PDB file of all heavy atoms in Angstrom:
ATOM      1  N   ALA A   1      -9.344 -29.578  -4.685  1.00  0.00           N
ATOM      2  CA  ALA A   1      -9.699 -30.324  -3.485  1.00  0.00           C
ATOM      3  C   ALA A   1      -8.512 -31.085  -2.903  1.00  0.00           C
ATOM      4  O   ALA A   1      -8.542 -31.479  -1.738  1.00  0.00           O
ATOM      5  CB  ALA A   1     -10.836 -31.286  -3.785  1.00  0.00           C
ATOM      6  N   GLY A   2      -7.455 -31.287  -3.665  1.00  0.00           N
ATOM      7  CA  GLY A   2      -6.283 -31.991  -3.155  1.00  0.00           C
ATOM      8  C   GLY A   2      -5.526 -31.213  -2.098  1.00  0.00           C
ATOM      9  O   GLY A   2      -4.736 -31.791  -1.344  1.00  0.00           O
ATOM     10  N   TYR A   3      -5.726 -29.916  -2.034  1.00  0.00           N
ATOM     11  CA  TYR A   3      -5.043 -29.086  -1.042  1.00  0.00           C
ATOM     12  C   TYR A   3      -5.720 -29.129   0.328  1.00  0.00           C
ATOM     13  O   TYR A   3      -5.105 -28.780   1.322  1.00  0.00           O
ATOM     14  CB  TYR A   3      -4.980 -27.634  -1.500  1.00  0.00           C
ATOM     15  CG  TYR A   3      -4.133 -27.411  -2.727  1.00  0.00           C
ATOM     16  CD1 TYR A   3      -4.562 -26.569  -3.738  1.00  0.00           C
ATOM     17  CD2 TYR A   3      -2.910 -28.034  -2.877  1.00  0.00           C
ATOM     18  CE1 TYR A   3      -3.788 -26.344  -4.864  1.00  0.00           C
ATOM     19  CE2 TYR A   3      -2.134 -27.822  -3.989  1.00  0.00           C
ATOM     20  CZ  TYR A   3      -2.574 -26.983  -4.986  1.00  0.00           C
ATOM     21  OH  TYR A   3      -1.807 -26.784  -6.088  1.00  0.00           O
ATOM     22  N   VAL A   4      -6.968 -29.531   0.387  1.00  0.00           N
ATOM     23  CA  VAL A   4      -7.727 -29.502   1.638  1.00  0.00           C
ATOM     24  C   VAL A   4      -7.092 -30.386   2.717  1.00  0.00           C
ATOM     25  O   VAL A   4      -6.911 -29.936   3.853  1.00  0.00           O
ATOM     26  CB  VAL A   4      -9.206 -29.862   1.396  1.00  0.00           C
ATOM     27  CG1 VAL A   4      -9.960 -30.007   2.705  1.00  0.00           C
ATOM     28  CG2 VAL A   4      -9.858 -28.822   0.505  1.00  0.00           C
ATOM     29  N   PRO A   5      -6.729 -31.653   2.438  1.00  0.00           N
ATOM     30  CA  PRO A   5      -6.095 -32.450   3.506  1.00  0.00           C
ATOM     31  C   PRO A   5      -4.776 -31.854   3.992  1.00  0.00           C
ATOM     32  O   PRO A   5      -4.470 -31.921   5.187  1.00  0.00           O
ATOM     33  CB  PRO A   5      -5.853 -33.812   2.861  1.00  0.00           C
ATOM     34  CG  PRO A   5      -6.759 -33.868   1.693  1.00  0.00           C
ATOM     35  CD  PRO A   5      -6.969 -32.462   1.247  1.00  0.00           C
ATOM     36  N   VAL A   6      -4.010 -31.257   3.108  1.00  0.00           N
ATOM     37  CA  VAL A   6      -2.741 -30.646   3.506  1.00  0.00           C
ATOM     38  C   VAL A   6      -2.998 -29.452   4.417  1.00  0.00           C
ATOM     39  O   VAL A   6      -2.328 -29.288   5.442  1.00  0.00           O
ATOM     40  CB  VAL A   6      -1.927 -30.230   2.261  1.00  0.00           C
ATOM     41  CG1 VAL A   6      -0.682 -29.473   2.662  1.00  0.00           C
ATOM     42  CG2 VAL A   6      -1.583 -31.442   1.425  1.00  0.00           C
ATOM     43  N   ILE A   7      -3.956 -28.643   4.078  1.00  0.00           N
ATOM     44  CA  ILE A   7      -4.297 -27.482   4.900  1.00  0.00           C
ATOM     45  C   ILE A   7      -4.806 -27.928   6.267  1.00  0.00           C
ATOM     46  O   ILE A   7      -4.414 -27.377   7.303  1.00  0.00           O
ATOM     47  CB  ILE A   7      -5.324 -26.589   4.179  1.00  0.00           C
ATOM     48  CG1 ILE A   7      -4.677 -25.945   2.957  1.00  0.00           C
ATOM     49  CG2 ILE A   7      -5.896 -25.538   5.114  1.00  0.00           C
ATOM     50  CD1 ILE A   7      -5.634 -25.227   2.060  1.00  0.00           C
ATOM     51  N   LEU A   8      -5.667 -28.948   6.304  1.00  0.00           N
ATOM     52  CA  LEU A   8      -6.161 -29.460   7.584  1.00  0.00           C
ATOM     53  C   LEU A   8      -5.040 -30.058   8.432  1.00  0.00           C
ATOM     54  O   LEU A   8      -5.020 -29.889   9.654  1.00  0.00           O
ATOM     55  CB  LEU A   8      -7.255 -30.498   7.344  1.00  0.00           C
ATOM     56  CG  LEU A   8      -8.565 -29.966   6.781  1.00  0.00           C
ATOM     57  CD1 LEU A   8      -9.522 -31.108   6.493  1.00  0.00           C
ATOM     58  CD2 LEU A   8      -9.194 -28.957   7.716  1.00  0.00           C
ATOM     59  N   LEU A   9      -4.083 -30.725   7.805  1.00  0.00           N
ATOM     60  CA  LEU A   9      -2.954 -31.288   8.529  1.00  0.00           C
ATOM     61  C   LEU A   9      -2.089 -30.189   9.134  1.00  0.00           C
ATOM     62  O   LEU A   9      -1.663 -30.285  10.293  1.00  0.00           O
ATOM     63  CB  LEU A   9      -2.117 -32.168   7.600  1.00  0.00           C
ATOM     64  CG  LEU A   9      -0.922 -32.855   8.237  1.00  0.00           C
ATOM     65  CD1 LEU A   9      -1.397 -33.882   9.248  1.00  0.00           C
ATOM     66  CD2 LEU A   9      -0.075 -33.515   7.178  1.00  0.00           C
ATOM     67  N   ILE A  10      -1.838 -29.137   8.377  1.00  0.00           N
ATOM     68  CA  ILE A  10      -1.035 -28.025   8.888  1.00  0.00           C
ATOM     69  C   ILE A  10      -1.752 -27.323  10.048  1.00  0.00           C
ATOM     70  O   ILE A  10      -1.138 -27.013  11.076  1.00  0.00           O
ATOM     71  CB  ILE A  10      -0.700 -27.034   7.759  1.00  0.00           C
ATOM     72  CG1 ILE A  10       0.283 -27.692   6.788  1.00  0.00           C
ATOM     73  CG2 ILE A  10      -0.122 -25.738   8.316  1.00  0.00           C
ATOM     74  CD1 ILE A  10       0.519 -26.905   5.529  1.00  0.00           C
ATOM     75  N   ILE A  11      -3.050 -27.100   9.910  1.00  0.00           N
ATOM     76  CA  ILE A  11      -3.819 -26.469  10.986  1.00  0.00           C
ATOM     77  C   ILE A  11      -3.829 -27.357  12.224  1.00  0.00           C
ATOM     78  O   ILE A  11      -3.616 -26.890  13.348  1.00  0.00           O
ATOM     79  CB  ILE A  11      -5.246 -26.141  10.509  1.00  0.00           C
ATOM     80  CG1 ILE A  11      -5.204 -25.017   9.480  1.00  0.00           C
ATOM     81  CG2 ILE A  11      -6.147 -25.764  11.678  1.00  0.00           C
ATOM     82  CD1 ILE A  11      -6.522 -24.754   8.791  1.00  0.00           C
ATOM     83  N   GLY A  12      -4.039 -28.663  12.037  1.00  0.00           N
ATOM     84  CA  GLY A  12      -4.048 -29.586  13.173  1.00  0.00           C
ATOM     85  C   GLY A  12      -2.701 -29.679  13.847  1.00  0.00           C
ATOM     86  O   GLY A  12      -2.600 -29.716  15.078  1.00  0.00           O
ATOM     87  N   ALA A  13      -1.625 -29.707  13.066  1.00  0.00           N
ATOM     88  CA  ALA A  13      -0.276 -29.815  13.633  1.00  0.00           C
ATOM     89  C   ALA A  13       0.119 -28.545  14.372  1.00  0.00           C
ATOM     90  O   ALA A  13       1.037 -28.576  15.187  1.00  0.00           O
ATOM     91  CB  ALA A  13       0.730 -30.114  12.520  1.00  0.00           C
ATOM     92  N   THR A  14      -0.543 -27.452  14.109  1.00  0.00           N
ATOM     93  CA  THR A  14      -0.251 -26.197  14.803  1.00  0.00           C
ATOM     94  C   THR A  14      -1.137 -26.024  16.036  1.00  0.00           C
ATOM     95  O   THR A  14      -0.647 -25.704  17.120  1.00  0.00           O
ATOM     96  CB  THR A  14      -0.459 -25.002  13.858  1.00  0.00           C
ATOM     97  OG1 THR A  14       0.360 -25.194  12.708  1.00  0.00           O
ATOM     98  CG2 THR A  14      -0.100 -23.706  14.529  1.00  0.00           C
ATOM     99  N   PHE A  15      -2.422 -26.244  15.890  1.00  0.00           N
ATOM    100  CA  PHE A  15      -3.344 -25.922  16.975  1.00  0.00           C
ATOM    101  C   PHE A  15      -3.496 -27.014  18.019  1.00  0.00           C
ATOM    102  O   PHE A  15      -3.757 -26.711  19.182  1.00  0.00           O
ATOM    103  CB  PHE A  15      -4.714 -25.522  16.420  1.00  0.00           C
ATOM    104  CG  PHE A  15      -4.687 -24.188  15.750  1.00  0.00           C
ATOM    105  CD1 PHE A  15      -4.907 -24.065  14.397  1.00  0.00           C
ATOM    106  CD2 PHE A  15      -4.415 -23.045  16.474  1.00  0.00           C
ATOM    107  CE1 PHE A  15      -4.862 -22.833  13.773  1.00  0.00           C
ATOM    108  CE2 PHE A  15      -4.370 -21.796  15.862  1.00  0.00           C
ATOM    109  CZ  PHE A  15      -4.598 -21.703  14.508  1.00  0.00           C
ATOM    110  N   ILE A  16      -3.334 -28.280  17.665  1.00  0.00           N
ATOM    111  CA  ILE A  16      -3.468 -29.345  18.661  1.00  0.00           C
ATOM    112  C   ILE A  16      -2.386 -29.248  19.736  1.00  0.00           C
ATOM    113  O   ILE A  16      -2.699 -29.327  20.927  1.00  0.00           O
ATOM    114  CB  ILE A  16      -3.526 -30.730  17.984  1.00  0.00           C
ATOM    115  CG1 ILE A  16      -4.857 -30.876  17.261  1.00  0.00           C
ATOM    116  CG2 ILE A  16      -3.321 -31.850  18.996  1.00  0.00           C
ATOM    117  CD1 ILE A  16      -5.008 -32.119  16.446  1.00  0.00           C
ATOM    118  N   PRO A  17      -1.089 -29.062  19.390  1.00  0.00           N
ATOM    119  CA  PRO A  17      -0.100 -28.902  20.467  1.00  0.00           C
ATOM    120  C   PRO A  17      -0.346 -27.677  21.342  1.00  0.00           C
ATOM    121  O   PRO A  17      -0.157 -27.735  22.561  1.00  0.00           O
ATOM    122  CB  PRO A  17       1.226 -28.768  19.722  1.00  0.00           C
ATOM    123  CG  PRO A  17       1.006 -29.362  18.402  1.00  0.00           C
ATOM    124  CD  PRO A  17      -0.433 -29.149  18.084  1.00  0.00           C
ATOM    125  N   ILE A  18      -0.785 -26.585  20.737  1.00  0.00           N
ATOM    126  CA  ILE A  18      -1.053 -25.368  21.519  1.00  0.00           C
ATOM    127  C   ILE A  18      -2.233 -25.602  22.448  1.00  0.00           C
ATOM    128  O   ILE A  18      -2.183 -25.281  23.636  1.00  0.00           O
ATOM    129  CB  ILE A  18      -1.281 -24.167  20.579  1.00  0.00           C
ATOM    130  CG1 ILE A  18       0.015 -23.822  19.851  1.00  0.00           C
ATOM    131  CG2 ILE A  18      -1.800 -22.963  21.360  1.00  0.00           C
ATOM    132  CD1 ILE A  18      -0.132 -22.782  18.771  1.00  0.00           C
ATOM    133  N   TRP A  19      -3.302 -26.193  21.932  1.00  0.00           N
ATOM    134  CA  TRP A  19      -4.487 -26.467  22.744  1.00  0.00           C
ATOM    135  C   TRP A  19      -4.156 -27.424  23.879  1.00  0.00           C
ATOM    136  O   TRP A  19      -4.546 -27.204  25.026  1.00  0.00           O
ATOM    137  CB  TRP A  19      -5.598 -27.043  21.861  1.00  0.00           C
ATOM    138  CG  TRP A  19      -6.781 -27.486  22.658  1.00  0.00           C
ATOM    139  CD1 TRP A  19      -7.774 -26.712  23.165  1.00  0.00           C
ATOM    140  CD2 TRP A  19      -7.072 -28.821  23.075  1.00  0.00           C
ATOM    141  NE1 TRP A  19      -8.667 -27.486  23.865  1.00  0.00           N
ATOM    142  CE2 TRP A  19      -8.255 -28.779  23.813  1.00  0.00           C
ATOM    143  CE3 TRP A  19      -6.437 -30.043  22.879  1.00  0.00           C
ATOM    144  CZ2 TRP A  19      -8.822 -29.919  24.368  1.00  0.00           C
ATOM    145  CZ3 TRP A  19      -7.007 -31.173  23.431  1.00  0.00           C
ATOM    146  CH2 TRP A  19      -8.189 -31.110  24.161  1.00  0.00           C
ATOM    147  N   LEU A  20      -3.412 -28.497  23.563  1.00  0.00           N
ATOM    148  CA  LEU A  20      -3.070 -29.488  24.577  1.00  0.00           C
ATOM    149  C   LEU A  20      -2.180 -28.882  25.659  1.00  0.00           C
ATOM    150  O   LEU A  20      -2.388 -29.128  26.858  1.00  0.00           O
ATOM    151  CB  LEU A  20      -2.387 -30.680  23.920  1.00  0.00           C
ATOM    152  CG  LEU A  20      -2.128 -31.892  24.790  1.00  0.00           C
ATOM    153  CD1 LEU A  20      -3.429 -32.449  25.331  1.00  0.00           C
ATOM    154  CD2 LEU A  20      -1.403 -32.945  23.991  1.00  0.00           C
ATOM    155  N   GLY A  21      -1.202 -28.075  25.267  1.00  0.00           N
ATOM    156  CA  GLY A  21      -0.335 -27.431  26.254  1.00  0.00           C
ATOM    157  C   GLY A  21      -1.096 -26.479  27.155  1.00  0.00           C
ATOM    158  O   GLY A  21      -0.886 -26.467  28.380  1.00  0.00           O
ATOM    159  N   LEU A  22      -1.988 -25.681  26.579  1.00  0.00           N
ATOM    160  CA  LEU A  22      -2.778 -24.749  27.389  1.00  0.00           C
ATOM    161  C   LEU A  22      -3.742 -25.487  28.307  1.00  0.00           C
ATOM    162  O   LEU A  22      -3.956 -25.090  29.454  1.00  0.00           O
ATOM    163  CB  LEU A  22      -3.537 -23.783  26.479  1.00  0.00           C
ATOM    164  CG  LEU A  22      -2.679 -22.768  25.731  1.00  0.00           C
ATOM    165  CD1 LEU A  22      -3.528 -21.973  24.755  1.00  0.00           C
ATOM    166  CD2 LEU A  22      -1.948 -21.848  26.682  1.00  0.00           C
ATOM    167  N   ARG A  23      -4.325 -26.561  27.804  1.00  0.00           N
ATOM    168  CA  ARG A  23      -5.265 -27.351  28.603  1.00  0.00           C
ATOM    169  C   ARG A  23      -4.559 -28.016  29.790  1.00  0.00           C
ATOM    170  O   ARG A  23      -5.041 -27.984  30.916  1.00  0.00           O
ATOM    171  CB  ARG A  23      -5.917 -28.397  27.702  1.00  0.00           C
ATOM    172  CG  ARG A  23      -6.937 -29.230  28.353  1.00  0.00           C
ATOM    173  CD  ARG A  23      -8.238 -28.505  28.379  1.00  0.00           C
ATOM    174  NE  ARG A  23      -9.232 -29.429  28.902  1.00  0.00           N
ATOM    175  CZ  ARG A  23     -10.246 -29.054  29.621  1.00  0.00           C
ATOM    176  NH1 ARG A  23     -10.454 -27.779  29.836  1.00  0.00           N
ATOM    177  NH2 ARG A  23     -11.094 -29.922  30.083  1.00  0.00           N
ATOM    178  N   LEU A  24      -3.402 -28.631  29.512  1.00  0.00           N
ATOM    179  CA  LEU A  24      -2.659 -29.282  30.590  1.00  0.00           C
ATOM    180  C   LEU A  24      -2.073 -28.273  31.574  1.00  0.00           C
ATOM    181  O   LEU A  24      -1.877 -28.591  32.744  1.00  0.00           O
ATOM    182  CB  LEU A  24      -1.562 -30.168  30.013  1.00  0.00           C
ATOM    183  CG  LEU A  24      -2.056 -31.443  29.333  1.00  0.00           C
ATOM    184  CD1 LEU A  24      -0.908 -32.158  28.662  1.00  0.00           C
ATOM    185  CD2 LEU A  24      -2.766 -32.341  30.307  1.00  0.00           C
ATOM    186  N   ARG A  25      -1.806 -27.061  31.100  1.00  0.00           N
ATOM    187  CA  ARG A  25      -1.322 -26.005  32.001  1.00  0.00           C
ATOM    188  C   ARG A  25      -2.372 -25.697  33.060  1.00  0.00           C
ATOM    189  O   ARG A  25      -2.050 -25.455  34.223  1.00  0.00           O
ATOM    190  CB  ARG A  25      -1.007 -24.739  31.218  1.00  0.00           C
ATOM    191  CG  ARG A  25      -0.475 -23.615  32.088  1.00  0.00           C
ATOM    192  CD  ARG A  25      -0.544 -22.260  31.452  1.00  0.00           C
ATOM    193  NE  ARG A  25       0.270 -22.131  30.266  1.00  0.00           N
ATOM    194  CZ  ARG A  25       0.311 -21.014  29.535  1.00  0.00           C
ATOM    195  NH1 ARG A  25      -0.403 -19.957  29.896  1.00  0.00           N
ATOM    196  NH2 ARG A  25       1.055 -20.952  28.459  1.00  0.00           N
ATOM    197  N   LYS A  26      -3.656 -25.726  32.672  1.00  0.00           N
ATOM    198  CA  LYS A  26      -4.732 -25.445  33.619  1.00  0.00           C
ATOM    199  C   LYS A  26      -5.034 -26.647  34.512  1.00  0.00           C
ATOM    200  O   LYS A  26      -5.297 -26.491  35.703  1.00  0.00           O
ATOM    201  CB  LYS A  26      -6.003 -25.053  32.863  1.00  0.00           C
ATOM    202  CG  LYS A  26      -5.919 -23.705  32.219  1.00  0.00           C
ATOM    203  CD  LYS A  26      -7.197 -23.383  31.488  1.00  0.00           C
ATOM    204  CE  LYS A  26      -7.062 -22.070  30.753  1.00  0.00           C
ATOM    205  NZ  LYS A  26      -8.239 -21.758  29.942  1.00  0.00           N
ATOM    206  N   ILE A  27      -5.030 -27.847  33.934  1.00  0.00           N
ATOM    207  CA  ILE A  27      -5.419 -29.042  34.685  1.00  0.00           C
ATOM    208  C   ILE A  27      -4.312 -29.507  35.626  1.00  0.00           C
ATOM    209  O   ILE A  27      -4.546 -29.773  36.806  1.00  0.00           O
ATOM    210  CB  ILE A  27      -5.804 -30.183  33.718  1.00  0.00           C
ATOM    211  CG1 ILE A  27      -7.040 -29.795  32.916  1.00  0.00           C
ATOM    212  CG2 ILE A  27      -6.064 -31.469  34.471  1.00  0.00           C
ATOM    213  CD1 ILE A  27      -7.384 -30.769  31.823  1.00  0.00           C
TER     214      ILE A  27
END
């Protein structure tokens, strides 16, 4: 279970910038 926060952090650090950039590109 100690790996779960690390995996979530890596996923968040990858997908949040991509999502935010794509969202702001449209808006």
